[in-house]
Amino acid sequence: MKPFRALSLALALGVGAQAMPAWADFDSESRPTGGASGDPNFQVQNPPAFAMIGDLLVARPLLIAATVVGAGLFVVSLPFTAAGGNMGAAGKALVVDPGKAAFVRCLGCTDSGYNKGR
């Protein structure tokens, strides 16, 4: 086989292999939960416009404020949580969870888009 034909075949197969996930999820608009794989780590949500507006104007500022207040409360409670041995759980509940809901979740969505580590 000539080098040009081998290169063009390799490029065609490479591009085709990279496009396969897009082909597999092509029908995702017709499903209410999204992804064709059914994997909960790759769910797609399509929230309505009023949910996005409410999230932007009400929920996000409150979640950011909850993250800041939670960080302050975590620092205040740090001696007690360190003595009890549950610093990780307190940090997750007071800082990480509200921060994740404020910054990782898509606008108007109810669940976080990043589900790894749950």
N, C-alpha and C. Protein backbone atom coordinates (compact mmCIF):
# COMPACT_ATOMS: atom_id res chain seq x y z
N MET A 1 0.85 -1.17 0.00
CA MET A 1 0.00 0.00 0.00
C MET A 1 0.89 1.23 0.00
N LYS A 2 0.51 2.18 -0.77
CA LYS A 2 1.31 3.40 -0.87
C LYS A 2 1.15 4.25 0.40
N PRO A 3 2.15 5.05 0.73
CA PRO A 3 2.10 5.84 1.97
C PRO A 3 0.92 6.81 2.01
N PHE A 4 0.56 7.41 0.89
CA PHE A 4 -0.56 8.36 0.89
C PHE A 4 -1.87 7.65 1.20
N ARG A 5 -2.07 6.47 0.64
CA ARG A 5 -3.29 5.72 0.91
C ARG A 5 -3.34 5.25 2.36
N ALA A 6 -2.22 4.82 2.89
CA ALA A 6 -2.17 4.39 4.28
C ALA A 6 -2.47 5.55 5.22
N LEU A 7 -1.92 6.71 4.93
CA LEU A 7 -2.16 7.89 5.76
C LEU A 7 -3.62 8.31 5.69
N SER A 8 -4.20 8.33 4.49
CA SER A 8 -5.60 8.74 4.36
C SER A 8 -6.53 7.74 5.02
N LEU A 9 -6.22 6.45 4.94
CA LEU A 9 -7.03 5.44 5.63
C LEU A 9 -6.94 5.61 7.14
N ALA A 10 -5.74 5.85 7.66
CA ALA A 10 -5.57 6.06 9.10
C ALA A 10 -6.30 7.31 9.57
N LEU A 11 -6.25 8.38 8.81
CA LEU A 11 -6.97 9.61 9.17
C LEU A 11 -8.48 9.39 9.14
N ALA A 12 -8.97 8.69 8.11
CA ALA A 12 -10.40 8.43 8.02
C ALA A 12 -10.89 7.58 9.19
N LEU A 13 -10.15 6.55 9.53
CA LEU A 13 -10.54 5.71 10.67
C LEU A 13 -10.45 6.47 11.99
N GLY A 14 -9.42 7.32 12.13
CA GLY A 14 -9.29 8.10 13.36
C GLY A 14 -10.42 9.10 13.54
N VAL A 15 -10.77 9.80 12.48
CA VAL A 15 -11.87 10.77 12.56
C VAL A 15 -13.19 10.04 12.80
N GLY A 16 -13.37 8.91 12.15
CA GLY A 16 -14.60 8.13 12.35
C GLY A 16 -14.72 7.62 13.78
N ALA A 17 -13.63 7.18 14.35
CA ALA A 17 -13.66 6.70 15.72
C ALA A 17 -13.93 7.82 16.71
N GLN A 18 -13.45 9.01 16.43
CA GLN A 18 -13.70 10.13 17.33
C GLN A 18 -15.13 10.62 17.24
N ALA A 19 -15.78 10.42 16.12
CA ALA A 19 -17.16 10.88 15.94
C ALA A 19 -18.16 9.87 16.46
N MET A 20 -17.74 8.67 16.80
CA MET A 20 -18.69 7.64 17.25
C MET A 20 -19.49 8.03 18.48
N PRO A 21 -18.92 8.66 19.53
CA PRO A 21 -19.76 9.06 20.66
C PRO A 21 -20.84 10.06 20.26
N ALA A 22 -20.56 10.94 19.33
CA ALA A 22 -21.58 11.88 18.87
C ALA A 22 -22.70 11.15 18.14
N TRP A 23 -22.37 10.13 17.39
CA TRP A 23 -23.40 9.35 16.71
C TRP A 23 -24.23 8.56 17.70
N ALA A 24 -23.60 8.05 18.73
CA ALA A 24 -24.31 7.24 19.71
C ALA A 24 -25.30 8.08 20.50
N ASP A 25 -25.01 9.35 20.74
CA ASP A 25 -25.87 10.22 21.53
C ASP A 25 -26.70 11.13 20.64
N PHE A 26 -26.82 10.81 19.37
CA PHE A 26 -27.54 11.66 18.43
C PHE A 26 -29.01 11.76 18.77
N ASP A 27 -29.59 10.71 19.34
CA ASP A 27 -31.01 10.66 19.63
C ASP A 27 -31.32 11.12 21.05
N SER A 28 -30.40 11.82 21.70
CA SER A 28 -30.60 12.18 23.11
C SER A 28 -31.68 13.22 23.31
N GLU A 29 -32.06 13.98 22.27
CA GLU A 29 -33.08 15.01 22.44
C GLU A 29 -34.45 14.40 22.70
N SER A 30 -34.68 13.19 22.22
CA SER A 30 -35.99 12.58 22.39
C SER A 30 -36.17 11.92 23.75
N ARG A 31 -35.11 11.79 24.51
CA ARG A 31 -35.19 11.16 25.82
C ARG A 31 -35.26 12.23 26.90
N PRO A 32 -36.13 12.04 27.90
CA PRO A 32 -36.25 13.08 28.93
C PRO A 32 -35.03 13.19 29.83
N THR A 33 -34.28 12.11 30.03
CA THR A 33 -33.14 12.18 30.93
C THR A 33 -31.83 12.39 30.21
N GLY A 34 -31.80 12.37 28.92
CA GLY A 34 -30.58 12.67 28.20
C GLY A 34 -29.88 11.46 27.68
N GLY A 35 -28.59 11.34 27.93
CA GLY A 35 -27.65 10.41 27.35
C GLY A 35 -28.16 9.06 26.93
N ALA A 36 -27.69 8.60 25.81
CA ALA A 36 -28.12 7.32 25.27
C ALA A 36 -27.55 6.16 26.05
N SER A 37 -26.49 6.38 26.80
CA SER A 37 -25.86 5.28 27.52
C SER A 37 -26.63 4.89 28.77
N GLY A 38 -27.46 5.80 29.31
CA GLY A 38 -28.17 5.52 30.54
C GLY A 38 -27.30 5.68 31.77
N ASP A 39 -26.07 6.13 31.60
CA ASP A 39 -25.16 6.33 32.71
C ASP A 39 -25.56 7.59 33.46
N PRO A 40 -25.82 7.52 34.78
CA PRO A 40 -26.24 8.73 35.50
C PRO A 40 -25.16 9.80 35.59
N ASN A 41 -23.90 9.46 35.29
CA ASN A 41 -22.85 10.48 35.29
C ASN A 41 -22.95 11.38 34.08
N PHE A 42 -23.70 10.99 33.07
CA PHE A 42 -23.78 11.75 31.83
C PHE A 42 -25.22 12.08 31.48
N GLN A 43 -25.97 12.58 32.44
CA GLN A 43 -27.35 12.98 32.20
C GLN A 43 -27.39 14.40 31.67
N VAL A 44 -28.30 14.66 30.76
CA VAL A 44 -28.47 15.98 30.18
C VAL A 44 -29.82 16.51 30.60
N GLN A 45 -29.84 17.73 31.10
CA GLN A 45 -31.10 18.36 31.49
C GLN A 45 -31.34 19.56 30.58
N ASN A 46 -32.59 19.78 30.25
CA ASN A 46 -32.97 20.94 29.44
C ASN A 46 -33.99 21.75 30.23
N PRO A 47 -33.53 22.62 31.14
CA PRO A 47 -34.48 23.38 31.96
C PRO A 47 -35.15 24.48 31.14
N PRO A 48 -36.37 24.85 31.52
CA PRO A 48 -37.05 25.95 30.82
C PRO A 48 -36.43 27.30 31.17
N ALA A 49 -36.81 28.32 30.43
CA ALA A 49 -36.22 29.66 30.60
C ALA A 49 -36.53 30.25 31.97
N PHE A 50 -37.75 30.05 32.48
CA PHE A 50 -38.08 30.64 33.78
C PHE A 50 -37.25 30.00 34.90
N ALA A 51 -36.89 28.73 34.76
CA ALA A 51 -36.04 28.10 35.76
C ALA A 51 -34.64 28.68 35.71
N MET A 52 -34.15 28.99 34.52
CA MET A 52 -32.82 29.60 34.39
C MET A 52 -32.81 31.00 34.99
N ILE A 53 -33.85 31.77 34.73
CA ILE A 53 -33.93 33.14 35.26
C ILE A 53 -34.00 33.12 36.78
N GLY A 54 -34.85 32.26 37.33
CA GLY A 54 -34.96 32.15 38.78
C GLY A 54 -33.68 31.68 39.42
N ASP A 55 -33.00 30.76 38.75
CA ASP A 55 -31.73 30.26 39.26
C ASP A 55 -30.68 31.37 39.26
N LEU A 56 -30.64 32.14 38.18
CA LEU A 56 -29.65 33.21 38.06
C LEU A 56 -29.89 34.34 39.06
N LEU A 57 -31.15 34.73 39.25
CA LEU A 57 -31.45 35.90 40.09
C LEU A 57 -31.64 35.58 41.56
N VAL A 58 -32.06 34.35 41.89
CA VAL A 58 -32.37 34.03 43.28
C VAL A 58 -31.42 32.97 43.84
N ALA A 59 -31.38 31.82 43.19
CA ALA A 59 -30.68 30.68 43.79
C ALA A 59 -29.17 30.85 43.82
N ARG A 60 -28.57 31.31 42.73
CA ARG A 60 -27.10 31.42 42.70
C ARG A 60 -26.57 32.41 43.73
N PRO A 61 -27.14 33.62 43.85
CA PRO A 61 -26.63 34.51 44.91
C PRO A 61 -26.79 33.93 46.32
N LEU A 62 -27.92 33.22 46.56
CA LEU A 62 -28.10 32.61 47.88
C LEU A 62 -27.10 31.48 48.11
N LEU A 63 -26.82 30.70 47.08
CA LEU A 63 -25.86 29.61 47.23
C LEU A 63 -24.43 30.13 47.42
N ILE A 64 -24.09 31.21 46.74
CA ILE A 64 -22.76 31.80 46.93
C ILE A 64 -22.64 32.36 48.34
N ALA A 65 -23.71 33.01 48.82
CA ALA A 65 -23.70 33.51 50.21
C ALA A 65 -23.62 32.35 51.20
N ALA A 66 -24.32 31.26 50.91
CA ALA A 66 -24.25 30.09 51.80
C ALA A 66 -22.85 29.48 51.81
N THR A 67 -22.17 29.52 50.68
CA THR A 67 -20.80 29.02 50.63
C THR A 67 -19.87 29.87 51.48
N VAL A 68 -20.01 31.19 51.39
CA VAL A 68 -19.16 32.10 52.17
C VAL A 68 -19.46 31.97 53.66
N VAL A 69 -20.74 31.95 54.03
CA VAL A 69 -21.11 31.80 55.44
C VAL A 69 -20.69 30.42 55.95
N GLY A 70 -20.85 29.39 55.12
CA GLY A 70 -20.42 28.05 55.52
C GLY A 70 -18.93 27.96 55.74
N ALA A 71 -18.15 28.67 54.92
CA ALA A 71 -16.70 28.69 55.12
C ALA A 71 -16.35 29.34 56.45
N GLY A 72 -17.04 30.43 56.77
CA GLY A 72 -16.81 31.08 58.06
C GLY A 72 -17.20 30.19 59.23
N LEU A 73 -18.34 29.52 59.12
CA LEU A 73 -18.76 28.61 60.18
C LEU A 73 -17.82 27.41 60.29
N PHE A 74 -17.28 26.97 59.17
CA PHE A 74 -16.33 25.85 59.22
C PHE A 74 -15.07 26.26 59.97
N VAL A 75 -14.59 27.48 59.74
CA VAL A 75 -13.39 27.94 60.45
C VAL A 75 -13.67 28.07 61.94
N VAL A 76 -14.87 28.59 62.28
CA VAL A 76 -15.22 28.73 63.69
C VAL A 76 -15.35 27.36 64.36
N SER A 77 -15.94 26.39 63.65
CA SER A 77 -16.16 25.06 64.25
C SER A 77 -14.96 24.14 64.12
N LEU A 78 -13.88 24.62 63.51
CA LEU A 78 -12.73 23.77 63.24
C LEU A 78 -12.12 23.11 64.48
N PRO A 79 -11.96 23.81 65.62
CA PRO A 79 -11.41 23.13 66.79
C PRO A 79 -12.28 21.97 67.28
N PHE A 80 -13.60 22.15 67.18
CA PHE A 80 -14.52 21.11 67.66
C PHE A 80 -14.59 19.93 66.68
N THR A 81 -14.59 20.24 65.40
CA THR A 81 -14.64 19.15 64.42
C THR A 81 -13.31 18.40 64.38
N ALA A 82 -12.21 19.09 64.62
CA ALA A 82 -10.91 18.41 64.67
C ALA A 82 -10.85 17.48 65.87
N ALA A 83 -11.40 17.92 67.00
CA ALA A 83 -11.41 17.08 68.20
C ALA A 83 -12.32 15.87 68.00
N GLY A 84 -13.40 16.07 67.26
CA GLY A 84 -14.33 14.97 67.00
C GLY A 84 -13.91 14.07 65.86
N GLY A 85 -12.98 14.54 65.04
CA GLY A 85 -12.49 13.72 63.94
C GLY A 85 -13.36 13.73 62.71
N ASN A 86 -14.22 14.73 62.57
CA ASN A 86 -15.08 14.78 61.39
C ASN A 86 -14.92 16.09 60.62
N MET A 87 -13.68 16.50 60.41
CA MET A 87 -13.42 17.73 59.66
C MET A 87 -13.86 17.59 58.21
N GLY A 88 -13.64 16.43 57.62
CA GLY A 88 -14.02 16.22 56.22
C GLY A 88 -15.51 16.33 56.01
N ALA A 89 -16.29 15.72 56.89
CA ALA A 89 -17.75 15.77 56.76
C ALA A 89 -18.28 17.19 56.97
N ALA A 90 -17.69 17.90 57.93
CA ALA A 90 -18.12 19.28 58.18
C ALA A 90 -17.76 20.18 57.00
N GLY A 91 -16.56 20.02 56.46
CA GLY A 91 -16.15 20.82 55.30
C GLY A 91 -17.00 20.54 54.08
N LYS A 92 -17.35 19.28 53.89
CA LYS A 92 -18.19 18.93 52.74
C LYS A 92 -19.58 19.52 52.89
N ALA A 93 -20.16 19.42 54.09
CA ALA A 93 -21.52 19.91 54.31
C ALA A 93 -21.60 21.43 54.30
N LEU A 94 -20.59 22.10 54.86
CA LEU A 94 -20.67 23.55 55.00
C LEU A 94 -20.10 24.33 53.82
N VAL A 95 -19.12 23.77 53.11
CA VAL A 95 -18.45 24.53 52.06
C VAL A 95 -18.59 23.87 50.68
N VAL A 96 -18.29 22.59 50.59
CA VAL A 96 -18.21 21.94 49.28
C VAL A 96 -19.58 21.78 48.64
N ASP A 97 -20.57 21.30 49.37
CA ASP A 97 -21.89 21.08 48.78
C ASP A 97 -22.55 22.37 48.28
N PRO A 98 -22.59 23.46 49.08
CA PRO A 98 -23.17 24.69 48.53
C PRO A 98 -22.34 25.28 47.39
N GLY A 99 -21.01 25.15 47.47
CA GLY A 99 -20.15 25.65 46.39
C GLY A 99 -20.35 24.87 45.11
N LYS A 100 -20.53 23.56 45.23
CA LYS A 100 -20.77 22.73 44.06
C LYS A 100 -22.12 23.07 43.42
N ALA A 101 -23.12 23.31 44.26
CA ALA A 101 -24.43 23.67 43.73
C ALA A 101 -24.41 25.05 43.08
N ALA A 102 -23.54 25.94 43.57
CA ALA A 102 -23.48 27.29 43.02
C ALA A 102 -22.65 27.38 41.75
N PHE A 103 -21.57 26.62 41.66
CA PHE A 103 -20.62 26.84 40.56
C PHE A 103 -20.54 25.69 39.55
N VAL A 104 -20.95 24.48 39.89
CA VAL A 104 -20.81 23.36 38.98
C VAL A 104 -22.11 23.03 38.27
N ARG A 105 -23.22 23.27 38.91
CA ARG A 105 -24.53 22.95 38.35
C ARG A 105 -24.84 23.87 37.18
N CYS A 106 -25.47 23.33 36.14
CA CYS A 106 -25.84 24.16 34.99
C CYS A 106 -26.98 25.09 35.38
N LEU A 107 -27.14 26.15 34.64
CA LEU A 107 -28.13 27.18 34.96
C LEU A 107 -29.53 26.62 34.80
N GLY A 108 -30.28 26.56 35.88
CA GLY A 108 -31.64 26.05 35.86
C GLY A 108 -31.76 24.57 36.15
N CYS A 109 -30.66 23.85 36.20
CA CYS A 109 -30.70 22.41 36.45
C CYS A 109 -30.93 22.14 37.93
N THR A 110 -31.46 20.97 38.22
CA THR A 110 -31.69 20.61 39.61
C THR A 110 -30.55 19.80 40.19
N ASP A 111 -29.82 19.07 39.35
CA ASP A 111 -28.69 18.25 39.81
C ASP A 111 -27.38 18.82 39.30
N SER A 112 -26.32 18.54 40.05
CA SER A 112 -25.00 18.96 39.61
C SER A 112 -24.58 18.17 38.39
N GLY A 113 -23.85 18.82 37.48
CA GLY A 113 -23.38 18.15 36.29
C GLY A 113 -22.18 17.27 36.52
N TYR A 114 -21.58 17.39 37.69
CA TYR A 114 -20.39 16.61 38.01
C TYR A 114 -20.75 15.64 39.12
N ASN A 115 -20.97 14.39 38.77
CA ASN A 115 -21.43 13.41 39.74
C ASN A 115 -20.35 12.44 40.17
N LYS A 116 -19.13 12.58 39.73
CA LYS A 116 -18.09 11.63 40.12
C LYS A 116 -17.73 11.86 41.59
N GLY A 117 -17.50 10.79 42.28
CA GLY A 117 -17.09 10.89 43.68
C GLY A 117 -18.25 10.91 44.64
N ARG A 118 -19.47 10.71 44.15
CA ARG A 118 -20.62 10.67 45.04
C ARG A 118 -20.74 9.32 45.67
